[in-house]
């Protein structure tokens, strides 16, 4: 369960980056859309983490918080890499 949470979040980022890359008008649109997606993903994970923390399942809460760090690291690195490779 622990590894699946992080893997699912990374797969979601991968799919969204592919969708935005296909549908983009220009690099700025890609960066804005993808950054917005990253922010929404982080907010959702924070809310899920808070829920598990309040329901006394601190192990899952920690995993969702860790997942946020990975989303931020991978997501924003992807934004900058796509812009740099243009």
PDB file of N, CA and C in Angstrom:
ATOM      1  N   UNK A   1       0.832  -1.198   0.000  1.00  0.00           N
ATOM      2  CA  UNK A   1       0.000   0.000   0.000  1.00  0.00           C
ATOM      3  C   UNK A   1       0.871   1.254   0.000  1.00  0.00           C
ATOM      4  N   UNK A   2       1.975   1.207   0.758  1.00  0.00           N
ATOM      5  CA  UNK A   2       2.802   2.395   0.896  1.00  0.00           C
ATOM      6  C   UNK A   2       3.403   2.820  -0.435  1.00  0.00           C
ATOM      7  N   UNK A   3       3.989   1.870  -1.138  1.00  0.00           N
ATOM      8  CA  UNK A   3       4.626   2.197  -2.413  1.00  0.00           C
ATOM      9  C   UNK A   3       3.604   2.531  -3.488  1.00  0.00           C
ATOM     10  N   UNK A   4       2.425   1.942  -3.397  1.00  0.00           N
ATOM     11  CA  UNK A   4       1.397   2.183  -4.405  1.00  0.00           C
ATOM     12  C   UNK A   4       0.943   3.637  -4.409  1.00  0.00           C
ATOM     13  N   UNK A   5       0.894   4.262  -3.244  1.00  0.00           N
ATOM     14  CA  UNK A   5       0.456   5.657  -3.157  1.00  0.00           C
ATOM     15  C   UNK A   5       1.394   6.555  -3.953  1.00  0.00           C
ATOM     16  N   UNK A   6       2.676   6.372  -3.754  1.00  0.00           N
ATOM     17  CA  UNK A   6       3.655   7.202  -4.451  1.00  0.00           C
ATOM     18  C   UNK A   6       3.653   6.893  -5.941  1.00  0.00           C
ATOM     19  N   UNK A   7       3.577   5.616  -6.298  1.00  0.00           N
ATOM     20  CA  UNK A   7       3.573   5.226  -7.705  1.00  0.00           C
ATOM     21  C   UNK A   7       2.346   5.779  -8.419  1.00  0.00           C
ATOM     22  N   UNK A   8       1.191   5.708  -7.785  1.00  0.00           N
ATOM     23  CA  UNK A   8      -0.033   6.231  -8.402  1.00  0.00           C
ATOM     24  C   UNK A   8       0.087   7.736  -8.618  1.00  0.00           C
ATOM     25  N   UNK A   9       0.623   8.456  -7.647  1.00  0.00           N
ATOM     26  CA  UNK A   9       0.796   9.900  -7.813  1.00  0.00           C
ATOM     27  C   UNK A   9       1.753  10.215  -8.963  1.00  0.00           C
ATOM     28  N   UNK A  10       2.816   9.450  -9.095  1.00  0.00           N
ATOM     29  CA  UNK A  10       3.758   9.690 -10.190  1.00  0.00           C
ATOM     30  C   UNK A  10       3.155   9.330 -11.544  1.00  0.00           C
ATOM     31  N   UNK A  11       2.351   8.286 -11.592  1.00  0.00           N
ATOM     32  CA  UNK A  11       1.685   7.928 -12.850  1.00  0.00           C
ATOM     33  C   UNK A  11       0.697   9.013 -13.255  1.00  0.00           C
ATOM     34  N   UNK A  12      -0.011   9.564 -12.290  1.00  0.00           N
ATOM     35  CA  UNK A  12      -0.938  10.665 -12.587  1.00  0.00           C
ATOM     36  C   UNK A  12      -0.177  11.853 -13.162  1.00  0.00           C
ATOM     37  N   UNK A  13       0.964  12.199 -12.573  1.00  0.00           N
ATOM     38  CA  UNK A  13       1.772  13.293 -13.110  1.00  0.00           C
ATOM     39  C   UNK A  13       2.263  12.988 -14.519  1.00  0.00           C
ATOM     40  N   UNK A  14       2.663  11.757 -14.764  1.00  0.00           N
ATOM     41  CA  UNK A  14       3.132  11.366 -16.091  1.00  0.00           C
ATOM     42  C   UNK A  14       2.020  11.492 -17.122  1.00  0.00           C
ATOM     43  N   UNK A  15       0.848  10.993 -16.794  1.00  0.00           N
ATOM     44  CA  UNK A  15      -0.278  11.080 -17.728  1.00  0.00           C
ATOM     45  C   UNK A  15      -0.681  12.528 -17.990  1.00  0.00           C
ATOM     46  N   UNK A  16      -0.727  13.326 -16.942  1.00  0.00           N
ATOM     47  CA  UNK A  16      -1.099  14.729 -17.132  1.00  0.00           C
ATOM     48  C   UNK A  16      -0.055  15.486 -17.937  1.00  0.00           C
ATOM     49  N   UNK A  17       1.208  15.175 -17.718  1.00  0.00           N
ATOM     50  CA  UNK A  17       2.241  15.855 -18.508  1.00  0.00           C
ATOM     51  C   UNK A  17       2.134  15.472 -19.970  1.00  0.00           C
ATOM     52  N   UNK A  18       1.805  14.209 -20.257  1.00  0.00           N
ATOM     53  CA  UNK A  18       1.630  13.790 -21.652  1.00  0.00           C
ATOM     54  C   UNK A  18       0.417  14.478 -22.278  1.00  0.00           C
ATOM     55  N   UNK A  19      -0.670  14.573 -21.541  1.00  0.00           N
ATOM     56  CA  UNK A  19      -1.874  15.239 -22.050  1.00  0.00           C
ATOM     57  C   UNK A  19      -1.596  16.710 -22.322  1.00  0.00           C
ATOM     58  N   UNK A  20      -0.943  17.386 -21.381  1.00  0.00           N
ATOM     59  CA  UNK A  20      -0.651  18.803 -21.571  1.00  0.00           C
ATOM     60  C   UNK A  20       0.343  19.021 -22.700  1.00  0.00           C
ATOM     61  N   UNK A  21       1.279  18.101 -22.870  1.00  0.00           N
ATOM     62  CA  UNK A  21       2.261  18.237 -23.940  1.00  0.00           C
ATOM     63  C   UNK A  21       1.589  18.105 -25.297  1.00  0.00           C
ATOM     64  N   UNK A  22       0.654  17.178 -25.417  1.00  0.00           N
ATOM     65  CA  UNK A  22      -0.066  16.986 -26.684  1.00  0.00           C
ATOM     66  C   UNK A  22      -0.977  18.170 -26.978  1.00  0.00           C
ATOM     67  N   UNK A  23      -1.646  18.696 -25.957  1.00  0.00           N
ATOM     68  CA  UNK A  23      -2.651  19.734 -26.145  1.00  0.00           C
ATOM     69  C   UNK A  23      -2.107  21.152 -26.050  1.00  0.00           C
ATOM     70  N   UNK A  24      -0.832  21.320 -25.814  1.00  0.00           N
ATOM     71  CA  UNK A  24      -0.302  22.659 -25.551  1.00  0.00           C
ATOM     72  C   UNK A  24      -0.321  23.557 -26.790  1.00  0.00           C
ATOM     73  N   UNK A  25      -0.517  24.816 -26.550  1.00  0.00           N
ATOM     74  CA  UNK A  25      -0.414  25.827 -27.590  1.00  0.00           C
ATOM     75  C   UNK A  25       1.024  26.327 -27.671  1.00  0.00           C
ATOM     76  N   UNK A  26       1.620  26.560 -26.521  1.00  0.00           N
ATOM     77  CA  UNK A  26       3.014  26.999 -26.449  1.00  0.00           C
ATOM     78  C   UNK A  26       3.596  26.558 -25.104  1.00  0.00           C
ATOM     79  N   UNK A  27       4.852  26.857 -24.887  1.00  0.00           N
ATOM     80  CA  UNK A  27       5.525  26.406 -23.660  1.00  0.00           C
ATOM     81  C   UNK A  27       4.918  27.042 -22.415  1.00  0.00           C
ATOM     82  N   UNK A  28       4.501  28.290 -22.525  1.00  0.00           N
ATOM     83  CA  UNK A  28       3.937  28.972 -21.360  1.00  0.00           C
ATOM     84  C   UNK A  28       2.658  28.287 -20.897  1.00  0.00           C
ATOM     85  N   UNK A  29       1.798  27.896 -21.844  1.00  0.00           N
ATOM     86  CA  UNK A  29       0.567  27.195 -21.489  1.00  0.00           C
ATOM     87  C   UNK A  29       0.864  25.879 -20.782  1.00  0.00           C
ATOM     88  N   UNK A  30       1.869  25.168 -21.288  1.00  0.00           N
ATOM     89  CA  UNK A  30       2.233  23.897 -20.664  1.00  0.00           C
ATOM     90  C   UNK A  30       2.668  24.112 -19.219  1.00  0.00           C
ATOM     91  N   UNK A  31       3.529  25.089 -19.004  1.00  0.00           N
ATOM     92  CA  UNK A  31       4.053  25.322 -17.664  1.00  0.00           C
ATOM     93  C   UNK A  31       2.945  25.749 -16.708  1.00  0.00           C
ATOM     94  N   UNK A  32       2.069  26.633 -17.146  1.00  0.00           N
ATOM     95  CA  UNK A  32       0.967  27.098 -16.290  1.00  0.00           C
ATOM     96  C   UNK A  32       0.014  25.943 -15.973  1.00  0.00           C
ATOM     97  N   UNK A  33      -0.382  25.182 -16.975  1.00  0.00           N
ATOM     98  CA  UNK A  33      -1.298  24.060 -16.747  1.00  0.00           C
ATOM     99  C   UNK A  33      -0.675  23.009 -15.842  1.00  0.00           C
ATOM    100  N   UNK A  34       0.575  22.679 -16.107  1.00  0.00           N
ATOM    101  CA  UNK A  34       1.236  21.626 -15.335  1.00  0.00           C
ATOM    102  C   UNK A  34       1.503  22.080 -13.906  1.00  0.00           C
ATOM    103  N   UNK A  35       1.908  23.323 -13.734  1.00  0.00           N
ATOM    104  CA  UNK A  35       2.132  23.841 -12.383  1.00  0.00           C
ATOM    105  C   UNK A  35       0.820  23.872 -11.597  1.00  0.00           C
ATOM    106  N   UNK A  36      -0.252  24.242 -12.258  1.00  0.00           N
ATOM    107  CA  UNK A  36      -1.559  24.217 -11.604  1.00  0.00           C
ATOM    108  C   UNK A  36      -1.965  22.816 -11.185  1.00  0.00           C
ATOM    109  N   UNK A  37      -1.660  21.850 -12.030  1.00  0.00           N
ATOM    110  CA  UNK A  37      -1.949  20.460 -11.699  1.00  0.00           C
ATOM    111  C   UNK A  37      -1.135  20.001 -10.504  1.00  0.00           C
ATOM    112  N   UNK A  38       0.125  20.410 -10.452  1.00  0.00           N
ATOM    113  CA  UNK A  38       0.977  20.041  -9.323  1.00  0.00           C
ATOM    114  C   UNK A  38       0.433  20.629  -8.029  1.00  0.00           C
ATOM    115  N   UNK A  39       0.025  21.873  -8.070  1.00  0.00           N
ATOM    116  CA  UNK A  39      -0.524  22.524  -6.876  1.00  0.00           C
ATOM    117  C   UNK A  39      -1.800  21.826  -6.425  1.00  0.00           C
ATOM    118  N   UNK A  40      -2.664  21.492  -7.356  1.00  0.00           N
ATOM    119  CA  UNK A  40      -3.909  20.796  -7.006  1.00  0.00           C
ATOM    120  C   UNK A  40      -3.603  19.424  -6.411  1.00  0.00           C
ATOM    121  N   UNK A  41      -2.643  18.707  -6.994  1.00  0.00           N
ATOM    122  CA  UNK A  41      -2.261  17.391  -6.467  1.00  0.00           C
ATOM    123  C   UNK A  41      -1.721  17.496  -5.048  1.00  0.00           C
ATOM    124  N   UNK A  42      -0.915  18.508  -4.803  1.00  0.00           N
ATOM    125  CA  UNK A  42      -0.356  18.698  -3.461  1.00  0.00           C
ATOM    126  C   UNK A  42      -1.456  19.027  -2.460  1.00  0.00           C
ATOM    127  N   UNK A  43      -2.381  19.878  -2.840  1.00  0.00           N
ATOM    128  CA  UNK A  43      -3.488  20.228  -1.942  1.00  0.00           C
ATOM    129  C   UNK A  43      -4.339  19.001  -1.629  1.00  0.00           C
ATOM    130  N   UNK A  44      -4.634  18.200  -2.637  1.00  0.00           N
ATOM    131  CA  UNK A  44      -5.432  16.985  -2.411  1.00  0.00           C
ATOM    132  C   UNK A  44      -4.690  16.030  -1.487  1.00  0.00           C
ATOM    133  N   UNK A  45      -3.387  15.841  -1.726  1.00  0.00           N
ATOM    134  CA  UNK A  45      -2.615  14.957  -0.853  1.00  0.00           C
ATOM    135  C   UNK A  45      -2.532  15.489   0.572  1.00  0.00           C
ATOM    136  N   UNK A  46      -2.435  16.799   0.736  1.00  0.00           N
ATOM    137  CA  UNK A  46      -2.428  17.372   2.079  1.00  0.00           C
ATOM    138  C   UNK A  46      -3.754  17.122   2.803  1.00  0.00           C
ATOM    139  N   UNK A  47      -4.856  17.268   2.081  1.00  0.00           N
ATOM    140  CA  UNK A  47      -6.163  17.006   2.691  1.00  0.00           C
ATOM    141  C   UNK A  47      -6.313  15.536   3.064  1.00  0.00           C
ATOM    142  N   UNK A  48      -5.847  14.643   2.189  1.00  0.00           N
ATOM    143  CA  UNK A  48      -5.912  13.212   2.499  1.00  0.00           C
ATOM    144  C   UNK A  48      -5.020  12.896   3.698  1.00  0.00           C
ATOM    145  N   UNK A  49      -3.847  13.505   3.724  1.00  0.00           N
ATOM    146  CA  UNK A  49      -2.927  13.298   4.840  1.00  0.00           C
ATOM    147  C   UNK A  49      -3.541  13.790   6.155  1.00  0.00           C
ATOM    148  N   UNK A  50      -4.172  14.939   6.116  1.00  0.00           N
ATOM    149  CA  UNK A  50      -4.830  15.473   7.305  1.00  0.00           C
ATOM    150  C   UNK A  50      -5.948  14.544   7.779  1.00  0.00           C
ATOM    151  N   UNK A  51      -6.711  14.011   6.834  1.00  0.00           N
ATOM    152  CA  UNK A  51      -7.775  13.070   7.177  1.00  0.00           C
ATOM    153  C   UNK A  51      -7.209  11.844   7.897  1.00  0.00           C
ATOM    154  N   UNK A  52      -6.150  11.251   7.343  1.00  0.00           N
ATOM    155  CA  UNK A  52      -5.563  10.070   7.973  1.00  0.00           C
ATOM    156  C   UNK A  52      -4.921  10.409   9.314  1.00  0.00           C
ATOM    157  N   UNK A  53      -4.354  11.588   9.420  1.00  0.00           N
ATOM    158  CA  UNK A  53      -3.759  11.993  10.698  1.00  0.00           C
ATOM    159  C   UNK A  53      -4.830  12.127  11.780  1.00  0.00           C
ATOM    160  N   UNK A  54      -5.947  12.745  11.418  1.00  0.00           N
ATOM    161  CA  UNK A  54      -7.033  12.915  12.386  1.00  0.00           C
ATOM    162  C   UNK A  54      -7.736  11.611  12.715  1.00  0.00           C
ATOM    163  N   UNK A  55      -7.686  10.648  11.790  1.00  0.00           N
ATOM    164  CA  UNK A  55      -8.314   9.354  12.059  1.00  0.00           C
ATOM    165  C   UNK A  55      -7.336   8.372  12.697  1.00  0.00           C
ATOM    166  N   UNK A  56      -6.230   8.899  13.210  1.00  0.00           N
ATOM    167  CA  UNK A  56      -5.239   8.135  13.980  1.00  0.00           C
ATOM    168  C   UNK A  56      -4.448   7.131  13.139  1.00  0.00           C
ATOM    169  N   UNK A  57      -4.440   7.287  11.836  1.00  0.00           N
ATOM    170  CA  UNK A  57      -3.616   6.437  10.970  1.00  0.00           C
ATOM    171  C   UNK A  57      -2.416   7.266  10.521  1.00  0.00           C
ATOM    172  N   UNK A  58      -1.477   7.456  11.417  1.00  0.00           N
ATOM    173  CA  UNK A  58      -0.364   8.359  11.165  1.00  0.00           C
ATOM    174  C   UNK A  58       0.605   7.814  10.126  1.00  0.00           C
ATOM    175  N   UNK A  59       0.637   6.508   9.942  1.00  0.00           N
ATOM    176  CA  UNK A  59       1.527   5.914   8.943  1.00  0.00           C
ATOM    177  C   UNK A  59       1.127   6.360   7.529  1.00  0.00           C
ATOM    178  N   UNK A  60      -0.161   6.264   7.222  1.00  0.00           N
ATOM    179  CA  UNK A  60      -0.623   6.712   5.908  1.00  0.00           C
ATOM    180  C   UNK A  60      -0.500   8.223   5.762  1.00  0.00           C
ATOM    181  N   UNK A  61      -0.689   8.948   6.828  1.00  0.00           N
ATOM    182  CA  UNK A  61      -0.526  10.403   6.778  1.00  0.00           C
ATOM    183  C   UNK A  61       0.904  10.762   6.395  1.00  0.00           C
ATOM    184  N   UNK A  62       1.870  10.071   6.971  1.00  0.00           N
ATOM    185  CA  UNK A  62       3.273  10.320   6.630  1.00  0.00           C
ATOM    186  C   UNK A  62       3.560   9.988   5.173  1.00  0.00           C
ATOM    187  N   UNK A  63       2.960   8.919   4.675  1.00  0.00           N
ATOM    188  CA  UNK A  63       3.197   8.520   3.282  1.00  0.00           C
ATOM    189  C   UNK A  63       2.652   9.571   2.323  1.00  0.00           C
ATOM    190  N   UNK A  64       1.477  10.102   2.611  1.00  0.00           N
ATOM    191  CA  UNK A  64       0.925  11.140   1.739  1.00  0.00           C
ATOM    192  C   UNK A  64       1.754  12.423   1.809  1.00  0.00           C
ATOM    193  N   UNK A  65       2.305  12.732   2.960  1.00  0.00           N
ATOM    194  CA  UNK A  65       3.185  13.902   3.056  1.00  0.00           C
ATOM    195  C   UNK A  65       4.478  13.672   2.265  1.00  0.00           C
ATOM    196  N   UNK A  66       5.024  12.471   2.354  1.00  0.00           N
ATOM    197  CA  UNK A  66       6.202  12.133   1.569  1.00  0.00           C
ATOM    198  C   UNK A  66       5.890  12.207   0.075  1.00  0.00           C
ATOM    199  N   UNK A  67       4.717  11.760  -0.273  1.00  0.00           N
ATOM    200  CA  UNK A  67       4.288  11.806  -1.668  1.00  0.00           C
ATOM    201  C   UNK A  67       4.258  13.246  -2.177  1.00  0.00           C
ATOM    202  N   UNK A  68       3.872  14.191  -1.323  1.00  0.00           N
ATOM    203  CA  UNK A  68       3.880  15.599  -1.712  1.00  0.00           C
ATOM    204  C   UNK A  68       5.274  16.074  -2.076  1.00  0.00           C
ATOM    205  N   UNK A  69       6.247  15.696  -1.268  1.00  0.00           N
ATOM    206  CA  UNK A  69       7.619  16.077  -1.572  1.00  0.00           C
ATOM    207  C   UNK A  69       8.086  15.535  -2.903  1.00  0.00           C
ATOM    208  N   UNK A  70       7.718  14.294  -3.180  1.00  0.00           N
ATOM    209  CA  UNK A  70       8.111  13.685  -4.448  1.00  0.00           C
ATOM    210  C   UNK A  70       7.391  14.351  -5.611  1.00  0.00           C
ATOM    211  N   UNK A  71       6.115  14.655  -5.434  1.00  0.00           N
ATOM    212  CA  UNK A  71       5.361  15.343  -6.491  1.00  0.00           C
ATOM    213  C   UNK A  71       5.996  16.696  -6.800  1.00  0.00           C
ATOM    214  N   UNK A  72       6.343  17.430  -5.763  1.00  0.00           N
ATOM    215  CA  UNK A  72       6.954  18.744  -5.987  1.00  0.00           C
ATOM    216  C   UNK A  72       8.307  18.622  -6.684  1.00  0.00           C
ATOM    217  N   UNK A  73       9.110  17.692  -6.225  1.00  0.00           N
ATOM    218  CA  UNK A  73      10.433  17.511  -6.812  1.00  0.00           C
ATOM    219  C   UNK A  73      10.359  17.071  -8.270  1.00  0.00           C
ATOM    220  N   UNK A  74       9.599  16.048  -8.540  1.00  0.00           N
ATOM    221  CA  UNK A  74       9.497  15.517  -9.900  1.00  0.00           C
ATOM    222  C   UNK A  74       8.698  16.463 -10.794  1.00  0.00           C
ATOM    223  N   UNK A  75       7.606  16.987 -10.274  1.00  0.00           N
ATOM    224  CA  UNK A  75       6.733  17.828 -11.092  1.00  0.00           C
ATOM    225  C   UNK A  75       7.388  19.109 -11.562  1.00  0.00           C
ATOM    226  N   UNK A  76       7.968  19.860 -10.649  1.00  0.00           N
ATOM    227  CA  UNK A  76       8.580  21.119 -11.059  1.00  0.00           C
ATOM    228  C   UNK A  76       9.878  20.897 -11.830  1.00  0.00           C
ATOM    229  N   UNK A  77      10.563  19.799 -11.558  1.00  0.00           N
ATOM    230  CA  UNK A  77      11.735  19.461 -12.372  1.00  0.00           C
ATOM    231  C   UNK A  77      11.310  19.190 -13.815  1.00  0.00           C
ATOM    232  N   UNK A  78      10.177  18.528 -13.978  1.00  0.00           N
ATOM    233  CA  UNK A  78       9.659  18.265 -15.318  1.00  0.00           C
ATOM    234  C   UNK A  78       9.294  19.560 -16.022  1.00  0.00           C
ATOM    235  N   UNK A  79       8.664  20.484 -15.297  1.00  0.00           N
ATOM    236  CA  UNK A  79       8.314  21.788 -15.896  1.00  0.00           C
ATOM    237  C   UNK A  79       9.548  22.476 -16.439  1.00  0.00           C
ATOM    238  N   UNK A  80      10.573  22.551 -15.635  1.00  0.00           N
ATOM    239  CA  UNK A  80      11.787  23.258 -16.063  1.00  0.00           C
ATOM    240  C   UNK A  80      12.521  22.493 -17.155  1.00  0.00           C
ATOM    241  N   UNK A  81      12.504  21.171 -17.101  1.00  0.00           N
ATOM    242  CA  UNK A  81      13.181  20.385 -18.126  1.00  0.00           C
ATOM    243  C   UNK A  81      12.493  20.544 -19.477  1.00  0.00           C
ATOM    244  N   UNK A  82      11.174  20.541 -19.479  1.00  0.00           N
ATOM    245  CA  UNK A  82      10.448  20.699 -20.750  1.00  0.00           C
ATOM    246  C   UNK A  82      10.734  22.073 -21.348  1.00  0.00           C
ATOM    247  N   UNK A  83      10.766  23.086 -20.525  1.00  0.00           N
ATOM    248  CA  UNK A  83      11.058  24.435 -21.030  1.00  0.00           C
ATOM    249  C   UNK A  83      12.492  24.530 -21.511  1.00  0.00           C
ATOM    250  N   UNK A  84      13.411  23.915 -20.797  1.00  0.00           N
ATOM    251  CA  UNK A  84      14.829  23.995 -21.170  1.00  0.00           C
ATOM    252  C   UNK A  84      15.104  23.249 -22.469  1.00  0.00           C
ATOM    253  N   UNK A  85      14.402  22.149 -22.697  1.00  0.00           N
ATOM    254  CA  UNK A  85      14.636  21.321 -23.897  1.00  0.00           C
ATOM    255  C   UNK A  85      14.004  21.886 -25.151  1.00  0.00           C
ATOM    256  N   UNK A  86      13.263  22.947 -25.049  1.00  0.00           N
ATOM    257  CA  UNK A  86      12.637  23.543 -26.243  1.00  0.00           C
ATOM    258  C   UNK A  86      13.657  24.163 -27.122  1.00  0.00           C
TER     259      UNK A  86
END
